[in-house]
Amino acid sequence: MAKQKKKRNKKYSGSDAAMTRPSITRVEAVQRSNIGQWWHDHKRITKPLLIAGAVILLIVWLIIELIRIIANA
């Protein structure tokens, strides 16, 4: 069995190598209140939870009203 050639793990940096572009970091400079900053940080988690809670509350309210209508009939 022939000896395997070692693989090259060094990046090519010759004159015709692809240029790497610098990474751009975007920063928001916004003055927010404590509550506004909390909302900005937790919006991705909190928004779906609030929507789901509102839907569940609506369904429970509709079921209670349906039971009240049936009980009075």
C-alpha atoms as a PDB file:
ATOM      1  CA  MET A   1       0.000   0.000   0.000  1.00  0.00           C
ATOM      2  CA  ALA A   2       1.396   3.375  -1.044  1.00  0.00           C
ATOM      3  CA  LYS A   3       1.895   6.158   1.479  1.00  0.00           C
ATOM      4  CA  GLN A   4      -0.862   8.784   1.261  1.00  0.00           C
ATOM      5  CA  LYS A   5       0.079  12.346   0.435  1.00  0.00           C
ATOM      6  CA  LYS A   6      -0.575  14.859   3.214  1.00  0.00           C
ATOM      7  CA  LYS A   7      -3.515  17.156   2.478  1.00  0.00           C
ATOM      8  CA  ARG A   8      -2.881  20.872   2.310  1.00  0.00           C
ATOM      9  CA  ASN A   9      -4.685  22.778   5.080  1.00  0.00           C
ATOM     10  CA  LYS A  10      -3.017  26.160   4.565  1.00  0.00           C
ATOM     11  CA  LYS A  11      -4.991  28.837   2.735  1.00  0.00           C
ATOM     12  CA  TYR A  12      -3.573  29.908  -0.628  1.00  0.00           C
ATOM     13  CA  SER A  13      -2.395  33.504  -0.460  1.00  0.00           C
ATOM     14  CA  GLY A  14      -0.745  34.035  -3.836  1.00  0.00           C
ATOM     15  CA  SER A  15      -1.203  37.064  -6.062  1.00  0.00           C
ATOM     16  CA  ASP A  16      -4.192  35.487  -7.859  1.00  0.00           C
ATOM     17  CA  ALA A  17      -5.917  34.308  -4.665  1.00  0.00           C
ATOM     18  CA  ALA A  18      -9.457  35.453  -3.938  1.00  0.00           C
ATOM     19  CA  MET A  19      -9.503  38.599  -1.860  1.00  0.00           C
ATOM     20  CA  THR A  20     -11.297  38.310   1.460  1.00  0.00           C
ATOM     21  CA  ARG A  21     -13.571  41.232   2.133  1.00  0.00           C
ATOM     22  CA  PRO A  22     -13.551  42.807   5.574  1.00  0.00           C
ATOM     23  CA  SER A  23     -16.513  41.921   7.767  1.00  0.00           C
ATOM     24  CA  ILE A  24     -18.913  44.765   8.464  1.00  0.00           C
ATOM     25  CA  THR A  25     -20.423  45.152  11.928  1.00  0.00           C
ATOM     26  CA  ARG A  26     -23.529  47.296  12.084  1.00  0.00           C
ATOM     27  CA  VAL A  27     -24.356  48.952  15.388  1.00  0.00           C
ATOM     28  CA  GLU A  28     -27.587  50.717  16.315  1.00  0.00           C
ATOM     29  CA  ALA A  29     -27.167  53.862  18.381  1.00  0.00           C
ATOM     30  CA  VAL A  30     -30.647  54.312  19.835  1.00  0.00           C
ATOM     31  CA  GLN A  31     -31.655  55.688  23.208  1.00  0.00           C
ATOM     32  CA  ARG A  32     -34.323  53.395  24.675  1.00  0.00           C
ATOM     33  CA  SER A  33     -36.038  53.198  28.033  1.00  0.00           C
ATOM     34  CA  ASN A  34     -35.433  50.103  30.175  1.00  0.00           C
ATOM     35  CA  ILE A  35     -38.722  48.556  29.062  1.00  0.00           C
ATOM     36  CA  GLY A  36     -38.065  49.465  25.424  1.00  0.00           C
ATOM     37  CA  GLN A  37     -34.596  47.902  25.569  1.00  0.00           C
ATOM     38  CA  TRP A  38     -35.991  44.730  27.180  1.00  0.00           C
ATOM     39  CA  TRP A  39     -38.645  44.484  24.456  1.00  0.00           C
ATOM     40  CA  HIS A  40     -36.007  44.989  21.725  1.00  0.00           C
ATOM     41  CA  ASP A  41     -33.843  42.202  23.208  1.00  0.00           C
ATOM     42  CA  HIS A  42     -36.656  39.676  23.865  1.00  0.00           C
ATOM     43  CA  LYS A  43     -39.035  40.442  20.986  1.00  0.00           C
ATOM     44  CA  ARG A  44     -38.423  37.172  19.080  1.00  0.00           C
ATOM     45  CA  ILE A  45     -39.454  35.058  22.090  1.00  0.00           C
ATOM     46  CA  THR A  46     -42.108  37.265  23.686  1.00  0.00           C
ATOM     47  CA  LYS A  47     -44.173  38.201  20.611  1.00  0.00           C
ATOM     48  CA  PRO A  48     -45.236  34.615  19.664  1.00  0.00           C
ATOM     49  CA  LEU A  49     -45.979  33.855  23.335  1.00  0.00           C
ATOM     50  CA  LEU A  50     -48.232  36.905  23.609  1.00  0.00           C
ATOM     51  CA  ILE A  51     -50.058  36.005  20.388  1.00  0.00           C
ATOM     52  CA  ALA A  52     -50.550  32.389  21.539  1.00  0.00           C
ATOM     53  CA  GLY A  53     -51.795  33.592  24.933  1.00  0.00           C
ATOM     54  CA  ALA A  54     -54.305  35.934  23.284  1.00  0.00           C
ATOM     55  CA  VAL A  55     -55.606  33.131  21.035  1.00  0.00           C
ATOM     56  CA  ILE A  56     -55.991  30.754  24.000  1.00  0.00           C
ATOM     57  CA  LEU A  57     -57.780  33.469  26.008  1.00  0.00           C
ATOM     58  CA  LEU A  58     -60.160  34.090  23.082  1.00  0.00           C
ATOM     59  CA  ILE A  59     -60.944  30.367  22.733  1.00  0.00           C
ATOM     60  CA  VAL A  60     -61.594  30.016  26.493  1.00  0.00           C
ATOM     61  CA  TRP A  61     -63.871  33.082  26.441  1.00  0.00           C
ATOM     62  CA  LEU A  62     -65.825  31.695  23.452  1.00  0.00           C
ATOM     63  CA  ILE A  63     -66.272  28.322  25.189  1.00  0.00           C
ATOM     64  CA  ILE A  64     -67.528  30.036  28.380  1.00  0.00           C
ATOM     65  CA  GLU A  65     -70.017  32.123  26.370  1.00  0.00           C
ATOM     66  CA  LEU A  66     -71.187  29.001  24.498  1.00  0.00           C
ATOM     67  CA  ILE A  67     -71.764  27.171  27.789  1.00  0.00           C
ATOM     68  CA  ARG A  68     -73.661  30.213  29.151  1.00  0.00           C
ATOM     69  CA  ILE A  69     -75.919  30.296  26.040  1.00  0.00           C
ATOM     70  CA  ILE A  70     -76.600  26.544  26.240  1.00  0.00           C
ATOM     71  CA  ALA A  71     -77.345  26.739  29.993  1.00  0.00           C
ATOM     72  CA  ASN A  72     -79.903  29.538  29.514  1.00  0.00           C
ATOM     73  CA  ALA A  73     -81.714  27.772  26.657  1.00  0.00           C
END
